[in-house]
PDB file of all heavy atoms in Angstrom:
ATOM      1  N   PHE A   1      -8.965   6.919  13.614  1.00  0.00           N
ATOM      2  CA  PHE A   1      -8.636   5.534  13.696  1.00  0.00           C
ATOM      3  C   PHE A   1      -8.849   4.807  12.337  1.00  0.00           C
ATOM      4  O   PHE A   1      -8.178   3.755  12.082  1.00  0.00           O
ATOM      5  CB  PHE A   1      -9.485   4.828  14.758  1.00  0.00           C
ATOM      6  CG  PHE A   1      -9.060   5.193  16.132  1.00  0.00           C
ATOM      7  CD1 PHE A   1      -9.761   6.182  16.853  1.00  0.00           C
ATOM      8  CD2 PHE A   1      -8.011   4.592  16.751  1.00  0.00           C
ATOM      9  CE1 PHE A   1      -9.353   6.514  18.144  1.00  0.00           C
ATOM     10  CE2 PHE A   1      -7.595   4.926  18.074  1.00  0.00           C
ATOM     11  CZ  PHE A   1      -8.313   5.907  18.737  1.00  0.00           C
ATOM     12  N   TRP A   2      -9.755   5.293  11.506  1.00  0.00           N
ATOM     13  CA  TRP A   2     -10.007   4.596  10.256  1.00  0.00           C
ATOM     14  C   TRP A   2      -9.184   5.087   9.100  1.00  0.00           C
ATOM     15  O   TRP A   2      -8.690   4.279   8.303  1.00  0.00           O
ATOM     16  CB  TRP A   2     -11.512   4.739   9.929  1.00  0.00           C
ATOM     17  CG  TRP A   2     -11.871   4.302   8.504  1.00  0.00           C
ATOM     18  CD1 TRP A   2     -12.094   3.021   8.108  1.00  0.00           C
ATOM     19  CD2 TRP A   2     -12.005   5.124   7.348  1.00  0.00           C
ATOM     20  NE1 TRP A   2     -12.360   2.994   6.751  1.00  0.00           N
ATOM     21  CE2 TRP A   2     -12.291   4.264   6.244  1.00  0.00           C
ATOM     22  CE3 TRP A   2     -11.819   6.462   7.090  1.00  0.00           C
ATOM     23  CZ2 TRP A   2     -12.450   4.746   4.972  1.00  0.00           C
ATOM     24  CZ3 TRP A   2     -12.028   6.954   5.820  1.00  0.00           C
ATOM     25  CH2 TRP A   2     -12.344   6.097   4.795  1.00  0.00           C
ATOM     26  N   LEU A   3      -8.985   6.373   9.016  1.00  0.00           N
ATOM     27  CA  LEU A   3      -8.336   6.944   7.838  1.00  0.00           C
ATOM     28  C   LEU A   3      -6.896   6.432   7.643  1.00  0.00           C
ATOM     29  O   LEU A   3      -6.555   6.100   6.519  1.00  0.00           O
ATOM     30  CB  LEU A   3      -8.381   8.479   7.900  1.00  0.00           C
ATOM     31  CG  LEU A   3      -7.832   9.217   6.689  1.00  0.00           C
ATOM     32  CD1 LEU A   3      -8.591   8.836   5.455  1.00  0.00           C
ATOM     33  CD2 LEU A   3      -7.822  10.711   6.923  1.00  0.00           C
ATOM     34  N   PRO A   4      -6.060   6.451   8.680  1.00  0.00           N
ATOM     35  CA  PRO A   4      -4.692   5.960   8.431  1.00  0.00           C
ATOM     36  C   PRO A   4      -4.665   4.542   7.868  1.00  0.00           C
ATOM     37  O   PRO A   4      -3.910   4.258   6.911  1.00  0.00           O
ATOM     38  CB  PRO A   4      -4.058   6.024   9.848  1.00  0.00           C
ATOM     39  CG  PRO A   4      -4.814   7.064  10.536  1.00  0.00           C
ATOM     40  CD  PRO A   4      -6.239   6.927  10.096  1.00  0.00           C
ATOM     41  N   ASP A   5      -5.423   3.629   8.443  1.00  0.00           N
ATOM     42  CA  ASP A   5      -5.427   2.266   7.938  1.00  0.00           C
ATOM     43  C   ASP A   5      -5.992   2.178   6.531  1.00  0.00           C
ATOM     44  O   ASP A   5      -5.516   1.427   5.709  1.00  0.00           O
ATOM     45  CB  ASP A   5      -6.180   1.334   8.876  1.00  0.00           C
ATOM     46  CG  ASP A   5      -6.013  -0.138   8.537  1.00  0.00           C
ATOM     47  OD1 ASP A   5      -4.850  -0.617   8.635  1.00  0.00           O
ATOM     48  OD2 ASP A   5      -6.949  -0.812   8.154  1.00  0.00           O
ATOM     49  N   ALA A   6      -7.001   3.027   6.248  1.00  0.00           N
ATOM     50  CA  ALA A   6      -7.585   3.031   4.906  1.00  0.00           C
ATOM     51  C   ALA A   6      -6.556   3.489   3.890  1.00  0.00           C
ATOM     52  O   ALA A   6      -6.477   2.940   2.751  1.00  0.00           O
ATOM     53  CB  ALA A   6      -8.820   3.946   4.865  1.00  0.00           C
ATOM     54  N   LEU A   7      -5.769   4.509   4.236  1.00  0.00           N
ATOM     55  CA  LEU A   7      -4.703   4.985   3.318  1.00  0.00           C
ATOM     56  C   LEU A   7      -3.619   3.921   3.120  1.00  0.00           C
ATOM     57  O   LEU A   7      -3.100   3.712   1.991  1.00  0.00           O
ATOM     58  CB  LEU A   7      -4.081   6.268   3.864  1.00  0.00           C
ATOM     59  CG  LEU A   7      -4.979   7.498   3.823  1.00  0.00           C
ATOM     60  CD1 LEU A   7      -4.326   8.702   4.555  1.00  0.00           C
ATOM     61  CD2 LEU A   7      -5.288   7.878   2.368  1.00  0.00           C
ATOM     62  N   VAL A   8      -3.272   3.222   4.191  1.00  0.00           N
ATOM     63  CA  VAL A   8      -2.282   2.156   4.056  1.00  0.00           C
ATOM     64  C   VAL A   8      -2.814   1.022   3.145  1.00  0.00           C
ATOM     65  O   VAL A   8      -2.084   0.509   2.317  1.00  0.00           O
ATOM     66  CB  VAL A   8      -1.878   1.609   5.440  1.00  0.00           C
ATOM     67  CG1 VAL A   8      -0.987   0.377   5.359  1.00  0.00           C
ATOM     68  CG2 VAL A   8      -1.147   2.729   6.258  1.00  0.00           C
ATOM     69  N   ARG A   9      -4.080   0.679   3.384  1.00  0.00           N
ATOM     70  CA  ARG A   9      -4.686  -0.339   2.523  1.00  0.00           C
ATOM     71  C   ARG A   9      -4.675   0.093   1.029  1.00  0.00           C
ATOM     72  O   ARG A   9      -4.404  -0.700   0.171  1.00  0.00           O
ATOM     73  CB  ARG A   9      -6.141  -0.580   2.951  1.00  0.00           C
ATOM     74  CG  ARG A   9      -6.290  -1.447   4.228  1.00  0.00           C
ATOM     75  CD  ARG A   9      -7.770  -1.597   4.558  1.00  0.00           C
ATOM     76  NE  ARG A   9      -7.941  -2.510   5.691  1.00  0.00           N
ATOM     77  CZ  ARG A   9      -7.987  -3.843   5.602  1.00  0.00           C
ATOM     78  NH1 ARG A   9      -7.908  -4.373   4.393  1.00  0.00           N
ATOM     79  NH2 ARG A   9      -8.153  -4.562   6.657  1.00  0.00           N
ATOM     80  N   HIS A  10      -5.017   1.337   0.826  1.00  0.00           N
ATOM     81  CA  HIS A  10      -5.043   1.885  -0.552  1.00  0.00           C
ATOM     82  C   HIS A  10      -3.652   1.808  -1.169  1.00  0.00           C
ATOM     83  O   HIS A  10      -3.495   1.384  -2.349  1.00  0.00           O
ATOM     84  CB  HIS A  10      -5.557   3.282  -0.557  1.00  0.00           C
ATOM     85  CG  HIS A  10      -5.749   3.865  -1.943  1.00  0.00           C
ATOM     86  ND1 HIS A  10      -6.592   3.330  -2.868  1.00  0.00           N
ATOM     87  CD2 HIS A  10      -5.140   4.916  -2.512  1.00  0.00           C
ATOM     88  CE1 HIS A  10      -6.499   4.058  -3.967  1.00  0.00           C
ATOM     89  NE2 HIS A  10      -5.607   5.009  -3.809  1.00  0.00           N
ATOM     90  N   ALA A  11      -2.638   2.155  -0.383  1.00  0.00           N
ATOM     91  CA  ALA A  11      -1.284   2.149  -0.899  1.00  0.00           C
ATOM     92  C   ALA A  11      -0.862   0.701  -1.256  1.00  0.00           C
ATOM     93  O   ALA A  11      -0.214   0.508  -2.266  1.00  0.00           O
ATOM     94  CB  ALA A  11      -0.318   2.707   0.143  1.00  0.00           C
ATOM     95  N   ALA A  12      -1.263  -0.274  -0.443  1.00  0.00           N
ATOM     96  CA  ALA A  12      -0.947  -1.676  -0.732  1.00  0.00           C
ATOM     97  C   ALA A  12      -1.633  -2.115  -2.007  1.00  0.00           C
ATOM     98  O   ALA A  12      -1.077  -2.891  -2.814  1.00  0.00           O
ATOM     99  CB  ALA A  12      -1.308  -2.542   0.442  1.00  0.00           C
ATOM    100  N   GLN A  13      -2.855  -1.661  -2.232  1.00  0.00           N
ATOM    101  CA  GLN A  13      -3.644  -2.120  -3.370  1.00  0.00           C
ATOM    102  C   GLN A  13      -3.103  -1.569  -4.706  1.00  0.00           C
ATOM    103  O   GLN A  13      -3.153  -2.207  -5.741  1.00  0.00           O
ATOM    104  CB  GLN A  13      -5.113  -1.797  -3.168  1.00  0.00           C
ATOM    105  CG  GLN A  13      -5.780  -2.649  -2.088  1.00  0.00           C
ATOM    106  CD  GLN A  13      -7.221  -2.153  -1.805  1.00  0.00           C
ATOM    107  OE1 GLN A  13      -7.651  -1.123  -2.333  1.00  0.00           O
ATOM    108  NE2 GLN A  13      -7.906  -2.913  -0.989  1.00  0.00           N
ATOM    109  N   ILE A  14      -2.721  -0.300  -4.655  1.00  0.00           N
ATOM    110  CA  ILE A  14      -2.345   0.377  -5.916  1.00  0.00           C
ATOM    111  C   ILE A  14      -0.847   0.272  -6.224  1.00  0.00           C
ATOM    112  O   ILE A  14      -0.430   0.670  -7.306  1.00  0.00           O
ATOM    113  CB  ILE A  14      -2.744   1.863  -5.936  1.00  0.00           C
ATOM    114  CG1 ILE A  14      -1.917   2.655  -4.886  1.00  0.00           C
ATOM    115  CG2 ILE A  14      -4.234   2.013  -5.649  1.00  0.00           C
ATOM    116  CD1 ILE A  14      -2.146   4.167  -4.955  1.00  0.00           C
ATOM    117  N   ALA A  15      -0.070  -0.301  -5.285  1.00  0.00           N
ATOM    118  CA  ALA A  15       1.371  -0.352  -5.546  1.00  0.00           C
ATOM    119  C   ALA A  15       1.628  -1.286  -6.720  1.00  0.00           C
ATOM    120  O   ALA A  15       1.163  -2.402  -6.763  1.00  0.00           O
ATOM    121  CB  ALA A  15       2.065  -0.922  -4.301  1.00  0.00           C
ATOM    122  N   PRO A  16       2.397  -0.814  -7.757  1.00  0.00           N
ATOM    123  CA  PRO A  16       2.726  -1.648  -8.884  1.00  0.00           C
ATOM    124  C   PRO A  16       3.710  -2.762  -8.483  1.00  0.00           C
ATOM    125  O   PRO A  16       4.318  -2.669  -7.397  1.00  0.00           O
ATOM    126  CB  PRO A  16       3.388  -0.684  -9.868  1.00  0.00           C
ATOM    127  CG  PRO A  16       3.876   0.463  -9.030  1.00  0.00           C
ATOM    128  CD  PRO A  16       2.940   0.550  -7.849  1.00  0.00           C
ATOM    129  N   PRO A  17       3.825  -3.770  -9.340  1.00  0.00           N
ATOM    130  CA  PRO A  17       4.711  -4.902  -8.962  1.00  0.00           C
ATOM    131  C   PRO A  17       6.148  -4.488  -8.582  1.00  0.00           C
ATOM    132  O   PRO A  17       6.747  -5.044  -7.662  1.00  0.00           O
ATOM    133  CB  PRO A  17       4.693  -5.728 -10.224  1.00  0.00           C
ATOM    134  CG  PRO A  17       3.380  -5.462 -10.824  1.00  0.00           C
ATOM    135  CD  PRO A  17       3.149  -4.026 -10.573  1.00  0.00           C
ATOM    136  N   ALA A  18       6.678  -3.508  -9.281  1.00  0.00           N
ATOM    137  CA  ALA A  18       8.052  -3.088  -8.980  1.00  0.00           C
ATOM    138  C   ALA A  18       8.156  -2.499  -7.564  1.00  0.00           C
ATOM    139  O   ALA A  18       9.174  -2.768  -6.864  1.00  0.00           O
ATOM    140  CB  ALA A  18       8.540  -2.059  -9.995  1.00  0.00           C
ATOM    141  N   GLN A  19       7.161  -1.708  -7.122  1.00  0.00           N
ATOM    142  CA  GLN A  19       7.188  -1.172  -5.767  1.00  0.00           C
ATOM    143  C   GLN A  19       7.077  -2.291  -4.741  1.00  0.00           C
ATOM    144  O   GLN A  19       7.730  -2.285  -3.725  1.00  0.00           O
ATOM    145  CB  GLN A  19       6.047  -0.184  -5.595  1.00  0.00           C
ATOM    146  CG  GLN A  19       6.317   1.209  -6.142  1.00  0.00           C
ATOM    147  CD  GLN A  19       5.290   2.196  -5.784  1.00  0.00           C
ATOM    148  OE1 GLN A  19       4.258   1.855  -5.150  1.00  0.00           O
ATOM    149  NE2 GLN A  19       5.460   3.462  -6.165  1.00  0.00           N
ATOM    150  N   LYS A  20       6.199  -3.270  -5.034  1.00  0.00           N
ATOM    151  CA  LYS A  20       6.027  -4.355  -4.114  1.00  0.00           C
ATOM    152  C   LYS A  20       7.323  -5.179  -3.997  1.00  0.00           C
ATOM    153  O   LYS A  20       7.694  -5.591  -2.899  1.00  0.00           O
ATOM    154  CB  LYS A  20       4.868  -5.270  -4.527  1.00  0.00           C
ATOM    155  CG  LYS A  20       3.492  -4.627  -4.431  1.00  0.00           C
ATOM    156  CD  LYS A  20       2.419  -5.575  -4.852  1.00  0.00           C
ATOM    157  CE  LYS A  20       1.016  -4.941  -4.659  1.00  0.00           C
ATOM    158  NZ  LYS A  20      -0.047  -5.859  -5.087  1.00  0.00           N
ATOM    159  N   ARG A  21       7.975  -5.365  -5.102  1.00  0.00           N
ATOM    160  CA  ARG A  21       9.249  -6.075  -5.056  1.00  0.00           C
ATOM    161  C   ARG A  21      10.294  -5.282  -4.232  1.00  0.00           C
ATOM    162  O   ARG A  21      11.069  -5.896  -3.450  1.00  0.00           O
ATOM    163  CB  ARG A  21       9.799  -6.310  -6.478  1.00  0.00           C
ATOM    164  CG  ARG A  21      11.155  -7.038  -6.548  1.00  0.00           C
ATOM    165  CD  ARG A  21      11.102  -8.462  -6.008  1.00  0.00           C
ATOM    166  NE  ARG A  21      10.199  -9.326  -6.667  1.00  0.00           N
ATOM    167  CZ  ARG A  21      10.441 -10.006  -7.833  1.00  0.00           C
ATOM    168  NH1 ARG A  21      11.618  -9.918  -8.391  1.00  0.00           N
ATOM    169  NH2 ARG A  21       9.499 -10.784  -8.350  1.00  0.00           N
ATOM    170  N   THR A  22      10.314  -4.015  -4.328  1.00  0.00           N
ATOM    171  CA  THR A  22      11.181  -3.171  -3.521  1.00  0.00           C
ATOM    172  C   THR A  22      10.910  -3.352  -2.060  1.00  0.00           C
ATOM    173  O   THR A  22      11.806  -3.451  -1.216  1.00  0.00           O
ATOM    174  CB  THR A  22      11.047  -1.674  -3.906  1.00  0.00           C
ATOM    175  OG1 THR A  22      11.406  -1.501  -5.268  1.00  0.00           O
ATOM    176  CG2 THR A  22      11.966  -0.805  -3.034  1.00  0.00           C
ATOM    177  N   ILE A  23       9.621  -3.377  -1.704  1.00  0.00           N
ATOM    178  CA  ILE A  23       9.216  -3.613  -0.315  1.00  0.00           C
ATOM    179  C   ILE A  23       9.708  -4.994   0.143  1.00  0.00           C
ATOM    180  O   ILE A  23      10.265  -5.136   1.241  1.00  0.00           O
ATOM    181  CB  ILE A  23       7.680  -3.457  -0.144  1.00  0.00           C
ATOM    182  CG1 ILE A  23       7.240  -2.052  -0.430  1.00  0.00           C
ATOM    183  CG2 ILE A  23       7.293  -3.860   1.292  1.00  0.00           C
ATOM    184  CD1 ILE A  23       5.783  -1.894  -0.515  1.00  0.00           C
ATOM    185  N   GLY A  24       9.473  -5.998  -0.731  1.00  0.00           N
ATOM    186  CA  GLY A  24       9.897  -7.372  -0.349  1.00  0.00           C
ATOM    187  C   GLY A  24      11.376  -7.490  -0.157  1.00  0.00           C
ATOM    188  O   GLY A  24      11.855  -8.131   0.785  1.00  0.00           O
TER     189      GLY A  24
END
């Protein structure tokens, strides 16, 4: 229950601006 959300949180934190813009 904790690990998947922790990995998703980590992905959100380390995503560079270009990746975030792609998501947006």
